[in-house]
Amino acid sequence: MKNNIFLFIVFICVSVLSYYMYKQINKTAASSRISCQKEVATFERIYKPNDIKFVQAQIENGSIKVYSSVQKAHYSRSKLFDYVKLSDVDKIVEDTLKKYHTSSEKKEENLEINYYIYENDVNDPGKKTARSKLYAGYVVFQFYNQKQELVYQVQIDFMNKQGEDIPKRIECAIKSFMTLK
């Protein structure tokens, strides 16, 4: 009888702990704050909430410098970048950021925005589930303050193997930051 009560208590404790961990993981993992984030997997994180308004203001007056890169598939043959040229994507990012320009008062100090395009490597031995092989890749945007400290990061999947939906995901990534309050 005592063993049954002990096992029951252990079962309840493990269940409560598992549920709490599940809620914590799901609470911080995916974002669906704005409509475009609901279309594909989106992860966002605020690192410096007190700097958001300042960085948004710098984007509005064009005081930013954008750095870009790509991460090609390593275990699979890279195909995405046969269709996607970084210079073309840089132009899309530039044009999207210009939509948020509301002031012509440019500051001397430019803040950094870094972004990269990751090509999903379906042959990566670390990808064990079918779900991890569904998306074509993702874009990651990182917004920095004047001290070079990361303020905000967003990661958004794209599904088209030729990257045709990348412009839409870029718009969503920038909108995700600019709509923070």
N, C-alpha and C. Protein backbone atom coordinates (compact mmCIF):
# COMPACT_ATOMS: atom_id res chain seq x y z
N MET A 1 0.81 -1.18 0.00
CA MET A 1 0.00 0.00 0.00
C MET A 1 0.87 1.26 0.00
N LYS A 2 1.92 1.29 0.86
CA LYS A 2 2.81 2.44 0.92
C LYS A 2 3.53 2.64 -0.41
N ASN A 3 3.91 1.54 -1.07
CA ASN A 3 4.57 1.64 -2.37
C ASN A 3 3.64 2.26 -3.41
N ASN A 4 2.37 1.89 -3.37
CA ASN A 4 1.41 2.45 -4.32
C ASN A 4 1.23 3.95 -4.12
N ILE A 5 1.15 4.37 -2.88
CA ILE A 5 1.01 5.81 -2.60
C ILE A 5 2.26 6.55 -3.04
N PHE A 6 3.43 5.98 -2.73
CA PHE A 6 4.68 6.60 -3.15
C PHE A 6 4.75 6.71 -4.67
N LEU A 7 4.42 5.67 -5.41
CA LEU A 7 4.44 5.69 -6.87
C LEU A 7 3.44 6.71 -7.41
N PHE A 8 2.28 6.79 -6.77
CA PHE A 8 1.27 7.75 -7.20
C PHE A 8 1.78 9.18 -7.02
N ILE A 9 2.43 9.47 -5.92
CA ILE A 9 2.97 10.80 -5.67
C ILE A 9 4.08 11.13 -6.67
N VAL A 10 4.95 10.16 -6.93
CA VAL A 10 6.01 10.35 -7.92
C VAL A 10 5.40 10.61 -9.30
N PHE A 11 4.39 9.86 -9.66
CA PHE A 11 3.71 10.03 -10.94
C PHE A 11 3.13 11.44 -11.06
N ILE A 12 2.47 11.90 -10.03
CA ILE A 12 1.88 13.24 -10.04
C ILE A 12 2.97 14.30 -10.17
N CYS A 13 4.03 14.15 -9.43
CA CYS A 13 5.14 15.12 -9.49
C CYS A 13 5.76 15.17 -10.88
N VAL A 14 6.02 14.02 -11.45
CA VAL A 14 6.60 13.95 -12.80
C VAL A 14 5.63 14.55 -13.81
N SER A 15 4.36 14.27 -13.68
CA SER A 15 3.36 14.82 -14.60
C SER A 15 3.31 16.34 -14.53
N VAL A 16 3.28 16.87 -13.31
CA VAL A 16 3.22 18.33 -13.14
C VAL A 16 4.49 18.97 -13.68
N LEU A 17 5.62 18.39 -13.39
CA LEU A 17 6.89 18.93 -13.89
C LEU A 17 6.94 18.88 -15.41
N SER A 18 6.53 17.78 -15.99
CA SER A 18 6.51 17.64 -17.46
C SER A 18 5.60 18.68 -18.09
N TYR A 19 4.42 18.86 -17.52
CA TYR A 19 3.48 19.85 -18.04
C TYR A 19 4.08 21.26 -17.95
N TYR A 20 4.69 21.59 -16.83
CA TYR A 20 5.29 22.90 -16.65
C TYR A 20 6.40 23.13 -17.69
N MET A 21 7.24 22.14 -17.91
CA MET A 21 8.32 22.26 -18.90
C MET A 21 7.75 22.42 -20.30
N TYR A 22 6.72 21.66 -20.62
CA TYR A 22 6.07 21.75 -21.92
C TYR A 22 5.53 23.16 -22.14
N LYS A 23 4.87 23.73 -21.15
CA LYS A 23 4.30 25.08 -21.27
C LYS A 23 5.40 26.12 -21.43
N GLN A 24 6.49 25.97 -20.70
CA GLN A 24 7.60 26.92 -20.80
C GLN A 24 8.24 26.88 -22.18
N ILE A 25 8.47 25.69 -22.69
CA ILE A 25 9.09 25.54 -24.01
C ILE A 25 8.19 26.14 -25.07
N ASN A 26 6.93 25.84 -25.04
CA ASN A 26 6.01 26.34 -26.06
C ASN A 26 5.72 27.82 -25.89
N LYS A 27 5.84 28.34 -24.71
CA LYS A 27 5.60 29.76 -24.48
C LYS A 27 6.68 30.61 -25.12
N THR A 28 7.90 30.17 -25.10
CA THR A 28 9.00 30.98 -25.60
C THR A 28 9.45 30.58 -27.00
N ALA A 29 8.94 29.52 -27.54
CA ALA A 29 9.45 29.03 -28.82
C ALA A 29 8.89 29.81 -30.01
N ALA A 30 7.66 29.59 -30.36
CA ALA A 30 7.10 30.16 -31.58
C ALA A 30 6.36 31.45 -31.29
N SER A 31 6.34 32.32 -32.31
CA SER A 31 5.64 33.59 -32.20
C SER A 31 4.51 33.63 -33.20
N SER A 32 3.44 34.30 -32.80
CA SER A 32 2.32 34.55 -33.71
C SER A 32 1.68 35.88 -33.34
N ARG A 33 2.52 36.86 -33.05
CA ARG A 33 2.09 38.17 -32.61
C ARG A 33 1.40 38.95 -33.72
N ILE A 34 1.89 38.81 -34.95
CA ILE A 34 1.29 39.48 -36.11
C ILE A 34 0.95 38.42 -37.15
N SER A 35 0.06 38.76 -38.07
CA SER A 35 -0.50 37.75 -38.98
C SER A 35 0.55 37.03 -39.81
N CYS A 36 1.58 37.71 -40.30
CA CYS A 36 2.56 37.04 -41.16
C CYS A 36 3.37 35.99 -40.40
N GLN A 37 3.46 36.12 -39.09
CA GLN A 37 4.19 35.14 -38.29
C GLN A 37 3.43 33.83 -38.17
N LYS A 38 2.14 33.85 -38.45
CA LYS A 38 1.31 32.65 -38.33
C LYS A 38 1.41 31.75 -39.56
N GLU A 39 1.98 32.25 -40.64
CA GLU A 39 2.05 31.50 -41.89
C GLU A 39 3.09 30.38 -41.86
N VAL A 40 4.19 30.61 -41.18
CA VAL A 40 5.28 29.63 -41.07
C VAL A 40 5.86 29.73 -39.66
N ALA A 41 6.76 28.84 -39.34
CA ALA A 41 7.40 28.88 -38.02
C ALA A 41 8.20 30.16 -37.88
N THR A 42 7.94 30.87 -36.78
CA THR A 42 8.61 32.13 -36.49
C THR A 42 9.05 32.11 -35.04
N PHE A 43 10.29 32.47 -34.80
CA PHE A 43 10.82 32.55 -33.45
C PHE A 43 11.40 33.95 -33.27
N GLU A 44 11.02 34.59 -32.20
CA GLU A 44 11.57 35.92 -31.94
C GLU A 44 11.97 36.02 -30.47
N ARG A 45 12.95 36.90 -30.24
CA ARG A 45 13.41 37.09 -28.87
C ARG A 45 13.88 38.53 -28.70
N ILE A 46 13.46 39.14 -27.62
CA ILE A 46 13.89 40.48 -27.26
C ILE A 46 14.98 40.35 -26.21
N TYR A 47 16.13 40.97 -26.48
CA TYR A 47 17.26 40.91 -25.56
C TYR A 47 17.38 42.19 -24.74
N LYS A 48 17.09 43.32 -25.35
CA LYS A 48 17.23 44.63 -24.70
C LYS A 48 15.94 45.43 -24.94
N PRO A 49 14.90 45.17 -24.15
CA PRO A 49 13.61 45.84 -24.39
C PRO A 49 13.68 47.36 -24.29
N ASN A 50 14.57 47.90 -23.49
CA ASN A 50 14.67 49.34 -23.33
C ASN A 50 15.25 50.04 -24.56
N ASP A 51 15.87 49.29 -25.47
CA ASP A 51 16.50 49.88 -26.66
C ASP A 51 15.65 49.78 -27.92
N ILE A 52 14.51 49.14 -27.84
CA ILE A 52 13.69 48.90 -29.04
C ILE A 52 13.28 50.21 -29.71
N LYS A 53 12.72 51.14 -28.96
CA LYS A 53 12.24 52.41 -29.55
C LYS A 53 13.39 53.18 -30.20
N PHE A 54 14.55 53.17 -29.56
CA PHE A 54 15.70 53.87 -30.12
C PHE A 54 16.11 53.26 -31.47
N VAL A 55 16.21 51.95 -31.53
CA VAL A 55 16.61 51.29 -32.78
C VAL A 55 15.54 51.49 -33.85
N GLN A 56 14.26 51.44 -33.47
CA GLN A 56 13.19 51.71 -34.44
C GLN A 56 13.33 53.12 -35.01
N ALA A 57 13.66 54.07 -34.16
CA ALA A 57 13.85 55.45 -34.61
C ALA A 57 15.01 55.56 -35.59
N GLN A 58 16.06 54.79 -35.35
CA GLN A 58 17.21 54.81 -36.25
C GLN A 58 16.82 54.23 -37.62
N ILE A 59 15.99 53.23 -37.63
CA ILE A 59 15.50 52.68 -38.90
C ILE A 59 14.65 53.72 -39.61
N GLU A 60 13.80 54.40 -38.86
CA GLU A 60 12.92 55.42 -39.45
C GLU A 60 13.70 56.57 -40.07
N ASN A 61 14.87 56.90 -39.53
CA ASN A 61 15.64 57.98 -40.16
C ASN A 61 16.79 57.46 -41.02
N GLY A 62 16.85 56.16 -41.23
CA GLY A 62 17.83 55.59 -42.16
C GLY A 62 19.24 55.47 -41.61
N SER A 63 19.40 55.57 -40.32
CA SER A 63 20.74 55.49 -39.72
C SER A 63 21.10 54.05 -39.37
N ILE A 64 21.17 53.24 -40.40
CA ILE A 64 21.46 51.81 -40.21
C ILE A 64 22.45 51.33 -41.27
N LYS A 65 23.11 50.28 -40.93
CA LYS A 65 24.01 49.59 -41.86
C LYS A 65 23.62 48.12 -41.83
N VAL A 66 23.41 47.54 -42.99
CA VAL A 66 22.95 46.16 -43.08
C VAL A 66 24.10 45.27 -43.56
N TYR A 67 24.30 44.16 -42.84
CA TYR A 67 25.29 43.15 -43.22
C TYR A 67 24.55 41.86 -43.48
N SER A 68 24.96 41.16 -44.53
CA SER A 68 24.25 39.94 -44.90
C SER A 68 25.23 38.80 -45.19
N SER A 69 24.69 37.59 -45.07
CA SER A 69 25.48 36.40 -45.40
C SER A 69 24.53 35.24 -45.68
N VAL A 70 25.11 34.15 -46.13
CA VAL A 70 24.34 32.93 -46.38
C VAL A 70 25.01 31.75 -45.70
N GLN A 71 24.20 30.76 -45.39
CA GLN A 71 24.72 29.50 -44.88
C GLN A 71 24.18 28.39 -45.78
N LYS A 72 25.05 27.89 -46.63
CA LYS A 72 24.65 26.85 -47.58
C LYS A 72 24.58 25.49 -46.90
N ALA A 73 23.82 24.60 -47.51
CA ALA A 73 23.76 23.22 -47.03
C ALA A 73 25.16 22.63 -47.08
N HIS A 74 25.47 21.83 -46.08
CA HIS A 74 26.80 21.22 -45.97
C HIS A 74 26.78 19.75 -46.37
N TYR A 75 25.79 19.01 -45.90
CA TYR A 75 25.72 17.57 -46.15
C TYR A 75 24.97 17.26 -47.45
N SER A 76 24.15 18.18 -47.89
CA SER A 76 23.40 18.03 -49.14
C SER A 76 24.03 18.95 -50.18
N ARG A 77 23.71 18.69 -51.44
CA ARG A 77 24.16 19.61 -52.49
C ARG A 77 23.35 20.89 -52.35
N SER A 78 24.02 22.02 -52.28
CA SER A 78 23.36 23.31 -52.17
C SER A 78 22.68 23.64 -53.49
N LYS A 79 21.37 23.90 -53.43
CA LYS A 79 20.61 24.23 -54.64
C LYS A 79 19.98 25.61 -54.55
N LEU A 80 19.65 26.03 -53.34
CA LEU A 80 18.92 27.28 -53.13
C LEU A 80 19.62 28.46 -53.80
N PHE A 81 20.92 28.54 -53.66
CA PHE A 81 21.65 29.70 -54.14
C PHE A 81 21.95 29.66 -55.64
N ASP A 82 21.44 28.62 -56.30
CA ASP A 82 21.40 28.64 -57.76
C ASP A 82 20.28 29.59 -58.21
N TYR A 83 19.30 29.80 -57.35
CA TYR A 83 18.13 30.62 -57.65
C TYR A 83 18.15 31.96 -56.91
N VAL A 84 18.75 31.99 -55.76
CA VAL A 84 18.74 33.17 -54.90
C VAL A 84 20.13 33.80 -54.89
N LYS A 85 20.19 35.06 -55.26
CA LYS A 85 21.45 35.80 -55.23
C LYS A 85 21.41 36.77 -54.06
N LEU A 86 22.44 36.77 -53.25
CA LEU A 86 22.47 37.62 -52.06
C LEU A 86 22.32 39.09 -52.42
N SER A 87 22.89 39.52 -53.52
CA SER A 87 22.76 40.93 -53.92
C SER A 87 21.30 41.29 -54.20
N ASP A 88 20.55 40.37 -54.77
CA ASP A 88 19.12 40.62 -55.01
C ASP A 88 18.35 40.70 -53.70
N VAL A 89 18.70 39.84 -52.76
CA VAL A 89 18.03 39.85 -51.46
C VAL A 89 18.41 41.11 -50.69
N ASP A 90 19.68 41.54 -50.80
CA ASP A 90 20.09 42.80 -50.16
C ASP A 90 19.24 43.96 -50.65
N LYS A 91 18.93 43.99 -51.93
CA LYS A 91 18.09 45.04 -52.51
C LYS A 91 16.67 44.97 -51.93
N ILE A 92 16.15 43.77 -51.75
CA ILE A 92 14.82 43.59 -51.16
C ILE A 92 14.82 44.11 -49.72
N VAL A 93 15.86 43.79 -48.97
CA VAL A 93 15.98 44.27 -47.59
C VAL A 93 16.04 45.79 -47.57
N GLU A 94 16.86 46.37 -48.43
CA GLU A 94 16.99 47.83 -48.50
C GLU A 94 15.65 48.48 -48.83
N ASP A 95 14.95 47.95 -49.82
CA ASP A 95 13.65 48.50 -50.21
C ASP A 95 12.62 48.36 -49.10
N THR A 96 12.65 47.24 -48.40
CA THR A 96 11.70 47.03 -47.30
C THR A 96 11.98 47.99 -46.16
N LEU A 97 13.23 48.19 -45.82
CA LEU A 97 13.58 49.15 -44.76
C LEU A 97 13.18 50.57 -45.13
N LYS A 98 13.30 50.92 -46.41
CA LYS A 98 12.93 52.27 -46.86
C LYS A 98 11.45 52.55 -46.64
N LYS A 99 10.63 51.52 -46.62
CA LYS A 99 9.20 51.70 -46.37
C LYS A 99 8.94 52.27 -44.98
N TYR A 100 9.89 52.09 -44.08
CA TYR A 100 9.75 52.57 -42.71
C TYR A 100 10.41 53.93 -42.48
N HIS A 101 11.06 54.47 -43.52
CA HIS A 101 11.69 55.79 -43.37
C HIS A 101 10.61 56.85 -43.26
N THR A 102 10.64 57.59 -42.17
CA THR A 102 9.68 58.66 -41.96
C THR A 102 10.38 60.00 -41.76
N SER A 103 11.69 59.97 -41.69
CA SER A 103 12.46 61.18 -41.43
C SER A 103 13.68 61.18 -42.33
N SER A 104 14.07 62.37 -42.75
CA SER A 104 15.28 62.47 -43.56
C SER A 104 16.48 62.90 -42.71
N GLU A 105 16.26 63.04 -41.43
CA GLU A 105 17.33 63.46 -40.50
C GLU A 105 18.20 62.25 -40.17
N LYS A 106 19.24 62.06 -40.95
CA LYS A 106 20.13 60.92 -40.76
C LYS A 106 21.20 61.25 -39.73
N LYS A 107 21.43 60.35 -38.82
CA LYS A 107 22.46 60.52 -37.79
C LYS A 107 23.79 60.04 -38.33
N GLU A 108 24.87 60.51 -37.72
CA GLU A 108 26.20 60.07 -38.14
C GLU A 108 26.44 58.61 -37.78
N GLU A 109 25.90 58.20 -36.65
CA GLU A 109 26.14 56.84 -36.15
C GLU A 109 25.12 55.87 -36.74
N ASN A 110 25.60 54.89 -37.46
CA ASN A 110 24.73 53.88 -38.03
C ASN A 110 24.66 52.66 -37.12
N LEU A 111 23.46 52.19 -36.88
CA LEU A 111 23.28 50.95 -36.13
C LEU A 111 23.31 49.78 -37.10
N GLU A 112 23.62 48.60 -36.56
CA GLU A 112 23.74 47.41 -37.41
C GLU A 112 22.48 46.57 -37.39
N ILE A 113 22.19 46.08 -38.57
CA ILE A 113 21.23 45.00 -38.74
C ILE A 113 21.99 43.91 -39.48
N ASN A 114 22.05 42.74 -38.90
CA ASN A 114 22.67 41.59 -39.56
C ASN A 114 21.57 40.62 -39.94
N TYR A 115 21.69 40.05 -41.13
CA TYR A 115 20.77 38.99 -41.47
C TYR A 115 21.50 37.93 -42.27
N TYR A 116 20.97 36.73 -42.17
CA TYR A 116 21.51 35.66 -43.01
C TYR A 116 20.40 34.74 -43.47
N ILE A 117 20.69 34.09 -44.58
CA ILE A 117 19.77 33.11 -45.15
C ILE A 117 20.38 31.75 -44.94
N TYR A 118 19.64 30.89 -44.28
CA TYR A 118 20.09 29.53 -43.98
C TYR A 118 19.36 28.57 -44.90
N GLU A 119 20.11 27.75 -45.61
CA GLU A 119 19.53 26.71 -46.46
C GLU A 119 19.39 25.43 -45.64
N ASN A 120 18.18 24.91 -45.57
CA ASN A 120 17.94 23.69 -44.80
C ASN A 120 18.75 22.54 -45.40
N ASP A 121 19.51 21.89 -44.58
CA ASP A 121 20.35 20.77 -45.01
C ASP A 121 19.65 19.47 -44.61
N VAL A 122 18.86 18.93 -45.54
CA VAL A 122 18.03 17.76 -45.22
C VAL A 122 18.85 16.50 -44.94
N ASN A 123 20.09 16.47 -45.36
CA ASN A 123 20.93 15.30 -45.10
C ASN A 123 21.78 15.44 -43.84
N ASP A 124 21.58 16.51 -43.12
CA ASP A 124 22.29 16.72 -41.85
C ASP A 124 21.91 15.58 -40.90
N PRO A 125 22.89 14.84 -40.38
CA PRO A 125 22.57 13.71 -39.49
C PRO A 125 21.84 14.13 -38.21
N GLY A 126 21.88 15.40 -37.86
CA GLY A 126 21.17 15.88 -36.68
C GLY A 126 19.69 16.06 -36.92
N LYS A 127 19.26 16.06 -38.17
CA LYS A 127 17.84 16.21 -38.49
C LYS A 127 17.22 14.83 -38.59
N LYS A 128 16.52 14.46 -37.56
CA LYS A 128 16.01 13.10 -37.48
C LYS A 128 14.53 12.99 -37.82
N THR A 129 13.79 14.09 -37.71
CA THR A 129 12.35 14.01 -37.95
C THR A 129 12.01 14.48 -39.36
N ALA A 130 10.90 13.98 -39.87
CA ALA A 130 10.43 14.39 -41.19
C ALA A 130 10.08 15.87 -41.18
N ARG A 131 9.56 16.34 -40.06
CA ARG A 131 9.16 17.74 -39.94
C ARG A 131 10.35 18.69 -40.11
N SER A 132 11.52 18.27 -39.64
CA SER A 132 12.70 19.13 -39.74
C SER A 132 13.23 19.23 -41.18
N LYS A 133 12.65 18.44 -42.07
CA LYS A 133 13.09 18.46 -43.46
C LYS A 133 12.08 19.12 -44.39
N LEU A 134 10.98 19.63 -43.83
CA LEU A 134 9.91 20.21 -44.65
C LEU A 134 10.23 21.59 -45.19
N TYR A 135 10.84 22.43 -44.38
CA TYR A 135 11.08 23.81 -44.81
C TYR A 135 12.33 23.89 -45.68
N ALA A 136 12.38 24.91 -46.53
CA ALA A 136 13.52 25.07 -47.43
C ALA A 136 14.69 25.77 -46.74
N GLY A 137 14.36 26.57 -45.73
CA GLY A 137 15.39 27.30 -45.01
C GLY A 137 14.74 28.34 -44.13
N TYR A 138 15.54 29.26 -43.63
CA TYR A 138 14.98 30.35 -42.84
C TYR A 138 15.86 31.58 -42.97
N VAL A 139 15.27 32.73 -42.64
CA VAL A 139 16.03 33.97 -42.56
C VAL A 139 16.09 34.38 -41.10
N VAL A 140 17.22 34.91 -40.69
CA VAL A 140 17.42 35.40 -39.33
C VAL A 140 17.84 36.86 -39.43
N PHE A 141 17.14 37.71 -38.69
CA PHE A 141 17.49 39.12 -38.60
C PHE A 141 17.88 39.44 -37.16
N GLN A 142 18.97 40.19 -37.02
CA GLN A 142 19.46 40.61 -35.71
C GLN A 142 19.63 42.13 -35.72
N PHE A 143 19.01 42.79 -34.75
CA PHE A 143 19.04 44.25 -34.65
C PHE A 143 19.89 44.62 -33.44
N TYR A 144 20.85 45.53 -33.65
CA TYR A 144 21.81 45.90 -32.61
C TYR A 144 21.64 47.37 -32.20
N ASN A 145 22.04 47.67 -30.97
CA ASN A 145 22.03 49.05 -30.49
C ASN A 145 23.38 49.71 -30.76
N GLN A 146 23.56 50.93 -30.27
CA GLN A 146 24.78 51.69 -30.52
C GLN A 146 26.00 51.09 -29.83
N LYS A 147 25.80 50.22 -28.85
CA LYS A 147 26.91 49.56 -28.16
C LYS A 147 27.23 48.19 -28.78
N GLN A 148 26.65 47.90 -29.93
CA GLN A 148 26.82 46.61 -30.60
C GLN A 148 26.24 45.46 -29.80
N GLU A 149 25.23 45.73 -28.99
CA GLU A 149 24.56 44.69 -28.21
C GLU A 149 23.29 44.27 -28.94
N LEU A 150 23.05 42.98 -28.98
CA LEU A 150 21.87 42.45 -29.65
C LEU A 150 20.61 42.90 -28.91
N VAL A 151 19.71 43.55 -29.62
CA VAL A 151 18.46 44.05 -29.05
C VAL A 151 17.32 43.07 -29.33
N TYR A 152 17.30 42.53 -30.55
CA TYR A 152 16.17 41.70 -30.98
C TYR A 152 16.64 40.76 -32.09
N GLN A 153 16.08 39.55 -32.08
CA GLN A 153 16.37 38.58 -33.15
C GLN A 153 15.08 37.89 -33.54
N VAL A 154 14.92 37.69 -34.84
CA VAL A 154 13.77 36.97 -35.35
C VAL A 154 14.25 35.96 -36.40
N GLN A 155 13.64 34.78 -36.37
CA GLN A 155 13.94 33.73 -37.35
C GLN A 155 12.61 33.30 -37.96
N ILE A 156 12.55 33.30 -39.30
CA ILE A 156 11.32 32.96 -40.01
C ILE A 156 11.66 31.95 -41.11
N ASP A 157 10.92 30.84 -41.12
CA ASP A 157 11.10 29.82 -42.16
C ASP A 157 10.60 30.32 -43.50
N PHE A 158 11.20 29.79 -44.56
CA PHE A 158 10.60 29.91 -45.89
C PHE A 158 10.48 28.50 -46.45
N MET A 159 9.48 28.29 -47.30
CA MET A 159 9.13 26.93 -47.70
C MET A 159 9.53 26.59 -49.13
N ASN A 160 9.63 27.57 -50.00
CA ASN A 160 9.90 27.32 -51.40
C ASN A 160 11.37 27.00 -51.62
N LYS A 161 11.65 25.87 -52.25
CA LYS A 161 13.04 25.40 -52.46
C LYS A 161 13.86 26.33 -53.34
N GLN A 162 13.16 27.20 -54.10
CA GLN A 162 13.86 28.16 -54.94
C GLN A 162 13.84 29.56 -54.33
N GLY A 163 13.35 29.64 -53.10
CA GLY A 163 13.40 30.89 -52.35
C GLY A 163 12.41 31.95 -52.80
N GLU A 164 11.37 31.55 -53.50
CA GLU A 164 10.42 32.53 -54.02
C GLU A 164 9.65 33.26 -52.92
N ASP A 165 9.56 32.68 -51.74
CA ASP A 165 8.84 33.33 -50.64
C ASP A 165 9.78 34.09 -49.69
N ILE A 166 11.05 34.19 -50.01
CA ILE A 166 11.99 34.92 -49.17
C ILE A 166 11.61 36.40 -49.04
N PRO A 167 11.24 37.10 -50.13
CA PRO A 167 10.87 38.51 -49.96
C PRO A 167 9.73 38.72 -48.95
N LYS A 168 8.77 37.85 -48.98
CA LYS A 168 7.64 37.94 -48.04
C LYS A 168 8.12 37.72 -46.60
N ARG A 169 9.05 36.80 -46.39
CA ARG A 169 9.57 36.52 -45.05
C ARG A 169 10.44 37.67 -44.54
N ILE A 170 11.15 38.32 -45.45
CA ILE A 170 11.96 39.49 -45.07
C ILE A 170 11.05 40.61 -44.60
N GLU A 171 9.99 40.85 -45.35
CA GLU A 171 9.02 41.87 -44.94
C GLU A 171 8.46 41.55 -43.56
N CYS A 172 8.17 40.29 -43.31
CA CYS A 172 7.63 39.87 -42.02
C CYS A 172 8.65 40.06 -40.91
N ALA A 173 9.90 39.75 -41.17
CA ALA A 173 10.95 39.89 -40.15
C ALA A 173 11.10 41.34 -39.74
N ILE A 174 11.14 42.24 -40.70
CA ILE A 174 11.31 43.66 -40.39
C ILE A 174 10.05 44.21 -39.73
N LYS A 175 8.89 43.80 -40.22
CA LYS A 175 7.63 44.22 -39.60
C LYS A 175 7.55 43.72 -38.16
N SER A 176 8.06 42.52 -37.92
CA SER A 176 8.06 41.96 -36.57
C SER A 176 8.79 42.89 -35.61
N PHE A 177 9.92 43.42 -36.05
CA PHE A 177 10.65 44.33 -35.18
C PHE A 177 9.97 45.69 -35.07
N MET A 178 9.51 46.22 -36.20
CA MET A 178 8.96 47.57 -36.19
C MET A 178 7.61 47.66 -35.48
N THR A 179 6.94 46.54 -35.27
CA THR A 179 5.65 46.57 -34.57
C THR A 179 5.78 46.29 -33.08
N LEU A 180 7.01 46.09 -32.61
CA LEU A 180 7.20 45.91 -31.17
C LEU A 180 6.85 47.21 -30.45
N LYS A 181 6.26 47.08 -29.29
CA LYS A 181 5.90 48.28 -28.50
C LYS A 181 6.71 48.32 -27.24
